[in-house]
Amino acid sequence: MAYFRPWPYSFAGFCLFILLAWISMAGLDFDGTLRASSFTTAGWFGLGFPFIAGVGVAFAAFVANLARRRHAVIACLMLALALGLLLVSLHPSRPANRVSAIIGESAAKHVIIERLRVADSFNERQTTWGIISGPQDLLDAIVQHRSLEMSPQASLAPLRAMFPDDSLPEFGDVARDRRSIFYRDPGTGKIFFQKK
C-alpha cells in the first residue's frame, strides 16, 4: 500500500482515469434535457472494467510515486493533464456536437434535438438514432452534406424499432446511404434518423 501514498494523489489519479475511460466509451440517451443520467455505460466498459481498473491503479501508483519522490509539481501536472483530457472528451460527447458531426455544422445551427440515442457495439462502431426538427429545407441540407440518395417507399423498420411511440409508417420516402437513413415525417416535419 506504500505505493499509493500520498493518498490524495493516488485517489485523484485513479478517479480521473476511470472517469476519462467511462466518458470516452459512454453512450447517450438524450430526451431534450441534458443531465448526468443522459450518458449511458457501454456494455463492453463493464466487461473491460478489470483491465481499465488495473491501468487506473497503475496510473494512480505512478502519480503517487512522483509525489512521494518530491516531484509533486510533476504529479500535479499529470493530474491536470488527465483532467484536461476528461474535459476535452466531454466536448464531442454532448448531444449538439454529436448531431453536428452527423448532419453538418451549417444544418445543426438551426436544429432542435428532440431525442438522441447513441449505442456502441463490440465490432460495428457507434449507432446513433435521433429525432430532430428545424426549417423546411433541413433535410435538403442534410442530403447535400452527406451526399445521400433518395429512396422512395423504403422500409422504416430500423426507425420504427427505435421509436415505437411515434406512429411511423412501415414504408416512406427516405434519404439514405450505406450506413444511414433519414426520414422526414410529412405530418410533423420531424426528421427521424439512424446512422451507423
C-alpha atoms as a PDB file:
ATOM      1  CA  MET A   1       0.000   0.000   0.000  1.00  0.00           C
ATOM      2  CA  ALA A   2       3.005   2.285   0.294  1.00  0.00           C
ATOM      3  CA  TYR A   3       2.918   2.617  -3.486  1.00  0.00           C
ATOM      4  CA  PHE A   4      -0.275   4.666  -3.189  1.00  0.00           C
ATOM      5  CA  ARG A   5       0.958   7.205  -0.657  1.00  0.00           C
ATOM      6  CA  PRO A   6       0.262  10.129  -0.576  1.00  0.00           C
ATOM      7  CA  TRP A   7      -3.368   9.049  -0.860  1.00  0.00           C
ATOM      8  CA  PRO A   8      -4.867  12.257  -2.327  1.00  0.00           C
ATOM      9  CA  TYR A   9      -2.660  11.925  -5.420  1.00  0.00           C
ATOM     10  CA  SER A  10      -3.379   8.249  -5.996  1.00  0.00           C
ATOM     11  CA  PHE A  11      -7.115   8.631  -5.336  1.00  0.00           C
ATOM     12  CA  ALA A  12      -7.375  11.603  -7.727  1.00  0.00           C
ATOM     13  CA  GLY A  13      -5.358   9.754 -10.371  1.00  0.00           C
ATOM     14  CA  PHE A  14      -7.490   6.614 -10.163  1.00  0.00           C
ATOM     15  CA  CYS A  15     -10.804   8.512 -10.238  1.00  0.00           C
ATOM     16  CA  LEU A  16      -9.750  10.732 -13.151  1.00  0.00           C
ATOM     17  CA  PHE A  17      -8.595   7.730 -15.170  1.00  0.00           C
ATOM     18  CA  ILE A  18     -11.828   5.790 -14.586  1.00  0.00           C
ATOM     19  CA  LEU A  19     -13.963   8.850 -15.446  1.00  0.00           C
ATOM     20  CA  LEU A  20     -11.939   9.503 -18.583  1.00  0.00           C
ATOM     21  CA  ALA A  21     -12.348   5.888 -19.722  1.00  0.00           C
ATOM     22  CA  TRP A  22     -16.091   5.927 -18.983  1.00  0.00           C
ATOM     23  CA  ILE A  23     -16.802   9.223 -20.794  1.00  0.00           C
ATOM     24  CA  SER A  24     -14.747   8.120 -23.785  1.00  0.00           C
ATOM     25  CA  MET A  25     -16.872   4.965 -24.119  1.00  0.00           C
ATOM     26  CA  ALA A  26     -20.226   6.309 -22.915  1.00  0.00           C
ATOM     27  CA  GLY A  27     -23.352   6.117 -24.997  1.00  0.00           C
ATOM     28  CA  LEU A  28     -26.154   8.657 -24.830  1.00  0.00           C
ATOM     29  CA  ASP A  29     -29.879   8.621 -24.159  1.00  0.00           C
ATOM     30  CA  PHE A  30     -30.945  12.244 -24.553  1.00  0.00           C
ATOM     31  CA  ASP A  31     -34.583  13.319 -24.400  1.00  0.00           C
ATOM     32  CA  GLY A  32     -34.167  17.081 -24.756  1.00  0.00           C
ATOM     33  CA  THR A  33     -32.742  17.800 -21.306  1.00  0.00           C
ATOM     34  CA  LEU A  34     -29.049  17.102 -20.769  1.00  0.00           C
ATOM     35  CA  ARG A  35     -28.271  15.675 -17.368  1.00  0.00           C
ATOM     36  CA  ALA A  36     -25.747  13.209 -15.997  1.00  0.00           C
ATOM     37  CA  SER A  37     -28.202  10.346 -16.492  1.00  0.00           C
ATOM     38  CA  SER A  38     -28.234  11.106 -20.241  1.00  0.00           C
ATOM     39  CA  PHE A  39     -24.893   9.306 -20.528  1.00  0.00           C
ATOM     40  CA  THR A  40     -25.110   5.533 -20.581  1.00  0.00           C
ATOM     41  CA  THR A  41     -22.456   2.939 -19.878  1.00  0.00           C
ATOM     42  CA  ALA A  42     -21.311   0.836 -22.805  1.00  0.00           C
ATOM     43  CA  GLY A  43     -21.659  -2.881 -22.141  1.00  0.00           C
ATOM     44  CA  TRP A  44     -18.070  -3.530 -23.038  1.00  0.00           C
ATOM     45  CA  PHE A  45     -16.963  -0.946 -20.446  1.00  0.00           C
ATOM     46  CA  GLY A  46     -18.294  -3.362 -17.816  1.00  0.00           C
ATOM     47  CA  LEU A  47     -16.586  -6.321 -19.465  1.00  0.00           C
ATOM     48  CA  GLY A  48     -13.298  -4.461 -19.705  1.00  0.00           C
ATOM     49  CA  PHE A  49     -13.512  -2.883 -16.269  1.00  0.00           C
ATOM     50  CA  PRO A  50     -10.977  -5.220 -14.628  1.00  0.00           C
ATOM     51  CA  PHE A  51      -8.376  -4.176 -17.201  1.00  0.00           C
ATOM     52  CA  ILE A  52      -9.410  -0.491 -17.036  1.00  0.00           C
ATOM     53  CA  ALA A  53      -9.225  -0.569 -13.229  1.00  0.00           C
ATOM     54  CA  GLY A  54      -5.794  -2.203 -13.420  1.00  0.00           C
ATOM     55  CA  VAL A  55      -4.478   0.529 -15.681  1.00  0.00           C
ATOM     56  CA  GLY A  56      -6.128   3.105 -13.394  1.00  0.00           C
ATOM     57  CA  VAL A  57      -4.330   1.601 -10.385  1.00  0.00           C
ATOM     58  CA  ALA A  58      -1.023   1.710 -12.278  1.00  0.00           C
ATOM     59  CA  PHE A  59      -1.629   5.372 -13.189  1.00  0.00           C
ATOM     60  CA  ALA A  60      -2.523   6.144  -9.561  1.00  0.00           C
ATOM     61  CA  ALA A  61       0.666   4.440  -8.304  1.00  0.00           C
ATOM     62  CA  PHE A  62       2.745   6.342 -10.869  1.00  0.00           C
ATOM     63  CA  VAL A  63       1.296   9.712  -9.828  1.00  0.00           C
ATOM     64  CA  ALA A  64       1.698   8.877  -6.121  1.00  0.00           C
ATOM     65  CA  ASN A  65       5.285   7.754  -6.739  1.00  0.00           C
ATOM     66  CA  LEU A  66       6.069  11.102  -8.369  1.00  0.00           C
ATOM     67  CA  ALA A  67       4.550  12.968  -5.421  1.00  0.00           C
ATOM     68  CA  ARG A  68       6.371  10.772  -2.901  1.00  0.00           C
ATOM     69  CA  ARG A  69       9.744  11.391  -4.546  1.00  0.00           C
ATOM     70  CA  ARG A  70       9.380  15.150  -4.169  1.00  0.00           C
ATOM     71  CA  HIS A  71       8.131  15.684  -7.693  1.00  0.00           C
ATOM     72  CA  ALA A  72       4.747  16.964  -6.559  1.00  0.00           C
ATOM     73  CA  VAL A  73       4.684  19.586  -9.316  1.00  0.00           C
ATOM     74  CA  ILE A  74       5.051  16.887 -11.982  1.00  0.00           C
ATOM     75  CA  ALA A  75       2.404  14.764 -10.238  1.00  0.00           C
ATOM     76  CA  CYS A  76       0.030  17.750 -10.253  1.00  0.00           C
ATOM     77  CA  LEU A  77       0.797  18.304 -13.941  1.00  0.00           C
ATOM     78  CA  MET A  78      -0.079  14.659 -14.650  1.00  0.00           C
ATOM     79  CA  LEU A  79      -3.380  15.060 -12.809  1.00  0.00           C
ATOM     80  CA  ALA A  80      -4.037  18.335 -14.640  1.00  0.00           C
ATOM     81  CA  LEU A  81      -3.341  16.561 -17.943  1.00  0.00           C
ATOM     82  CA  ALA A  82      -5.833  13.809 -17.038  1.00  0.00           C
ATOM     83  CA  LEU A  83      -8.405  16.440 -16.078  1.00  0.00           C
ATOM     84  CA  GLY A  84      -7.772  18.287 -19.349  1.00  0.00           C
ATOM     85  CA  LEU A  85      -8.267  15.069 -21.324  1.00  0.00           C
ATOM     86  CA  LEU A  86     -11.507  14.459 -19.433  1.00  0.00           C
ATOM     87  CA  LEU A  87     -12.799  17.928 -20.325  1.00  0.00           C
ATOM     88  CA  VAL A  88     -11.725  17.524 -23.960  1.00  0.00           C
ATOM     89  CA  SER A  89     -13.511  14.167 -24.197  1.00  0.00           C
ATOM     90  CA  LEU A  90     -16.719  15.722 -22.838  1.00  0.00           C
ATOM     91  CA  HIS A  91     -16.956  18.171 -25.756  1.00  0.00           C
ATOM     92  CA  PRO A  92     -17.688  15.680 -28.587  1.00  0.00           C
ATOM     93  CA  SER A  93     -19.953  13.688 -26.259  1.00  0.00           C
ATOM     94  CA  ARG A  94     -22.516  16.474 -25.968  1.00  0.00           C
ATOM     95  CA  PRO A  95     -25.729  15.884 -27.974  1.00  0.00           C
ATOM     96  CA  ALA A  96     -25.385  19.027 -30.101  1.00  0.00           C
ATOM     97  CA  ASN A  97     -21.857  18.075 -31.141  1.00  0.00           C
ATOM     98  CA  ARG A  98     -22.869  14.501 -31.961  1.00  0.00           C
ATOM     99  CA  VAL A  99     -25.706  15.748 -34.180  1.00  0.00           C
ATOM    100  CA  SER A 100     -23.433  18.340 -35.773  1.00  0.00           C
ATOM    101  CA  ALA A 101     -20.967  15.620 -36.759  1.00  0.00           C
ATOM    102  CA  ILE A 102     -23.789  13.718 -38.487  1.00  0.00           C
ATOM    103  CA  ILE A 103     -25.728  16.454 -40.282  1.00  0.00           C
ATOM    104  CA  GLY A 104     -23.068  19.138 -40.723  1.00  0.00           C
ATOM    105  CA  GLU A 105     -22.389  22.321 -38.800  1.00  0.00           C
ATOM    106  CA  SER A 106     -24.483  24.619 -41.004  1.00  0.00           C
ATOM    107  CA  ALA A 107     -27.601  22.427 -40.679  1.00  0.00           C
ATOM    108  CA  ALA A 108     -27.012  21.842 -36.962  1.00  0.00           C
ATOM    109  CA  LYS A 109     -27.232  25.574 -36.205  1.00  0.00           C
ATOM    110  CA  HIS A 110     -30.985  25.518 -36.855  1.00  0.00           C
ATOM    111  CA  VAL A 111     -31.854  22.152 -35.302  1.00  0.00           C
ATOM    112  CA  ILE A 112     -33.868  21.288 -32.233  1.00  0.00           C
ATOM    113  CA  ILE A 113     -32.862  17.888 -30.874  1.00  0.00           C
ATOM    114  CA  GLU A 114     -35.938  16.127 -29.553  1.00  0.00           C
ATOM    115  CA  ARG A 115     -34.410  12.703 -28.963  1.00  0.00           C
ATOM    116  CA  LEU A 116     -30.935  11.264 -29.421  1.00  0.00           C
ATOM    117  CA  ARG A 117     -29.655   7.816 -28.576  1.00  0.00           C
ATOM    118  CA  VAL A 118     -26.129   6.565 -29.107  1.00  0.00           C
ATOM    119  CA  ALA A 119     -25.217   2.938 -28.511  1.00  0.00           C
ATOM    120  CA  ASP A 120     -21.907   1.227 -29.017  1.00  0.00           C
ATOM    121  CA  SER A 121     -21.307  -2.294 -30.219  1.00  0.00           C
ATOM    122  CA  PHE A 122     -18.353  -4.602 -29.880  1.00  0.00           C
ATOM    123  CA  ASN A 123     -17.409  -4.530 -33.541  1.00  0.00           C
ATOM    124  CA  GLU A 124     -19.582  -2.113 -35.529  1.00  0.00           C
ATOM    125  CA  ARG A 125     -18.854   1.410 -34.277  1.00  0.00           C
ATOM    126  CA  GLN A 126     -21.469   3.546 -32.642  1.00  0.00           C
ATOM    127  CA  THR A 127     -25.037   3.656 -33.887  1.00  0.00           C
ATOM    128  CA  THR A 128     -26.936   6.910 -33.455  1.00  0.00           C
ATOM    129  CA  TRP A 129     -30.715   7.292 -33.628  1.00  0.00           C
ATOM    130  CA  GLY A 130     -32.439  10.613 -33.335  1.00  0.00           C
ATOM    131  CA  ILE A 131     -35.408  12.869 -33.881  1.00  0.00           C
ATOM    132  CA  ILE A 132     -34.674  16.435 -34.898  1.00  0.00           C
ATOM    133  CA  SER A 133     -36.736  19.316 -36.183  1.00  0.00           C
ATOM    134  CA  GLY A 134     -35.886  22.542 -37.916  1.00  0.00           C
ATOM    135  CA  PRO A 135     -36.593  24.609 -41.014  1.00  0.00           C
ATOM    136  CA  GLN A 136     -38.336  23.168 -44.076  1.00  0.00           C
ATOM    137  CA  ASP A 137     -35.081  22.811 -46.031  1.00  0.00           C
ATOM    138  CA  LEU A 138     -33.296  20.904 -43.242  1.00  0.00           C
ATOM    139  CA  LEU A 139     -33.486  17.519 -44.963  1.00  0.00           C
ATOM    140  CA  ASP A 140     -32.158  19.081 -48.184  1.00  0.00           C
ATOM    141  CA  ALA A 141     -29.157  20.458 -46.254  1.00  0.00           C
ATOM    142  CA  ILE A 142     -28.516  17.032 -44.709  1.00  0.00           C
ATOM    143  CA  VAL A 143     -28.798  15.316 -48.116  1.00  0.00           C
ATOM    144  CA  GLN A 144     -26.292  17.778 -49.560  1.00  0.00           C
ATOM    145  CA  HIS A 145     -23.869  17.434 -46.624  1.00  0.00           C
ATOM    146  CA  ARG A 146     -23.887  13.628 -46.543  1.00  0.00           C
ATOM    147  CA  SER A 147     -24.357  13.050 -50.316  1.00  0.00           C
ATOM    148  CA  LEU A 148     -27.453  10.941 -49.670  1.00  0.00           C
ATOM    149  CA  GLU A 149     -29.692   9.355 -52.291  1.00  0.00           C
ATOM    150  CA  MET A 150     -33.482   9.498 -52.172  1.00  0.00           C
ATOM    151  CA  SER A 151     -35.237   6.124 -51.952  1.00  0.00           C
ATOM    152  CA  PRO A 152     -38.996   6.107 -52.481  1.00  0.00           C
ATOM    153  CA  GLN A 153     -41.070   3.827 -50.278  1.00  0.00           C
ATOM    154  CA  ALA A 154     -38.166   2.281 -48.354  1.00  0.00           C
ATOM    155  CA  SER A 155     -38.622   0.258 -45.180  1.00  0.00           C
ATOM    156  CA  LEU A 156     -38.630   2.278 -41.957  1.00  0.00           C
ATOM    157  CA  ALA A 157     -38.125  -0.820 -39.781  1.00  0.00           C
ATOM    158  CA  PRO A 158     -34.884   0.407 -38.137  1.00  0.00           C
ATOM    159  CA  LEU A 159     -36.568   3.657 -37.126  1.00  0.00           C
ATOM    160  CA  ARG A 160     -39.837   2.019 -36.060  1.00  0.00           C
ATOM    161  CA  ALA A 161     -37.915  -0.347 -33.775  1.00  0.00           C
ATOM    162  CA  MET A 162     -36.143   2.534 -32.058  1.00  0.00           C
ATOM    163  CA  PHE A 163     -39.113   4.886 -31.816  1.00  0.00           C
ATOM    164  CA  PRO A 164     -42.168   2.683 -31.180  1.00  0.00           C
ATOM    165  CA  ASP A 165     -44.135   5.521 -29.551  1.00  0.00           C
ATOM    166  CA  ASP A 166     -44.058   7.602 -32.728  1.00  0.00           C
ATOM    167  CA  SER A 167     -46.536   6.231 -35.218  1.00  0.00           C
ATOM    168  CA  LEU A 168     -44.202   5.853 -38.181  1.00  0.00           C
ATOM    169  CA  PRO A 169     -45.492   4.144 -41.321  1.00  0.00           C
ATOM    170  CA  GLU A 170     -43.940   0.883 -42.463  1.00  0.00           C
ATOM    171  CA  PHE A 171     -42.600   2.497 -45.643  1.00  0.00           C
ATOM    172  CA  GLY A 172     -41.688   6.042 -46.565  1.00  0.00           C
ATOM    173  CA  ASP A 173     -39.555   8.228 -48.803  1.00  0.00           C
ATOM    174  CA  VAL A 174     -36.104   8.328 -47.224  1.00  0.00           C
ATOM    175  CA  ALA A 175     -32.700   9.820 -47.870  1.00  0.00           C
ATOM    176  CA  ARG A 176     -30.021   7.200 -47.343  1.00  0.00           C
ATOM    177  CA  ASP A 177     -26.552   5.961 -47.936  1.00  0.00           C
ATOM    178  CA  ARG A 178     -24.820   2.721 -46.982  1.00  0.00           C
ATOM    179  CA  ARG A 179     -24.699   3.497 -43.249  1.00  0.00           C
ATOM    180  CA  SER A 180     -27.529   5.967 -42.592  1.00  0.00           C
ATOM    181  CA  ILE A 181     -31.207   6.641 -43.166  1.00  0.00           C
ATOM    182  CA  PHE A 182     -33.151   9.908 -42.764  1.00  0.00           C
ATOM    183  CA  TYR A 183     -36.953  10.133 -42.918  1.00  0.00           C
ATOM    184  CA  ARG A 184     -38.996  13.346 -42.769  1.00  0.00           C
ATOM    185  CA  ASP A 185     -42.479  12.885 -41.361  1.00  0.00           C
ATOM    186  CA  PRO A 186     -44.746  14.899 -43.678  1.00  0.00           C
ATOM    187  CA  GLY A 187     -47.290  15.491 -40.906  1.00  0.00           C
ATOM    188  CA  THR A 188     -44.999  16.879 -38.207  1.00  0.00           C
ATOM    189  CA  GLY A 189     -41.901  17.891 -40.180  1.00  0.00           C
ATOM    190  CA  LYS A 190     -39.718  15.928 -37.744  1.00  0.00           C
ATOM    191  CA  ILE A 191     -36.719  14.118 -39.154  1.00  0.00           C
ATOM    192  CA  PHE A 192     -36.054  10.618 -37.830  1.00  0.00           C
ATOM    193  CA  PHE A 193     -32.614   9.190 -38.489  1.00  0.00           C
ATOM    194  CA  GLN A 194     -30.272   6.318 -37.886  1.00  0.00           C
ATOM    195  CA  LYS A 195     -26.528   6.469 -38.555  1.00  0.00           C
ATOM    196  CA  LYS A 196     -24.140   3.562 -38.109  1.00  0.00           C
END
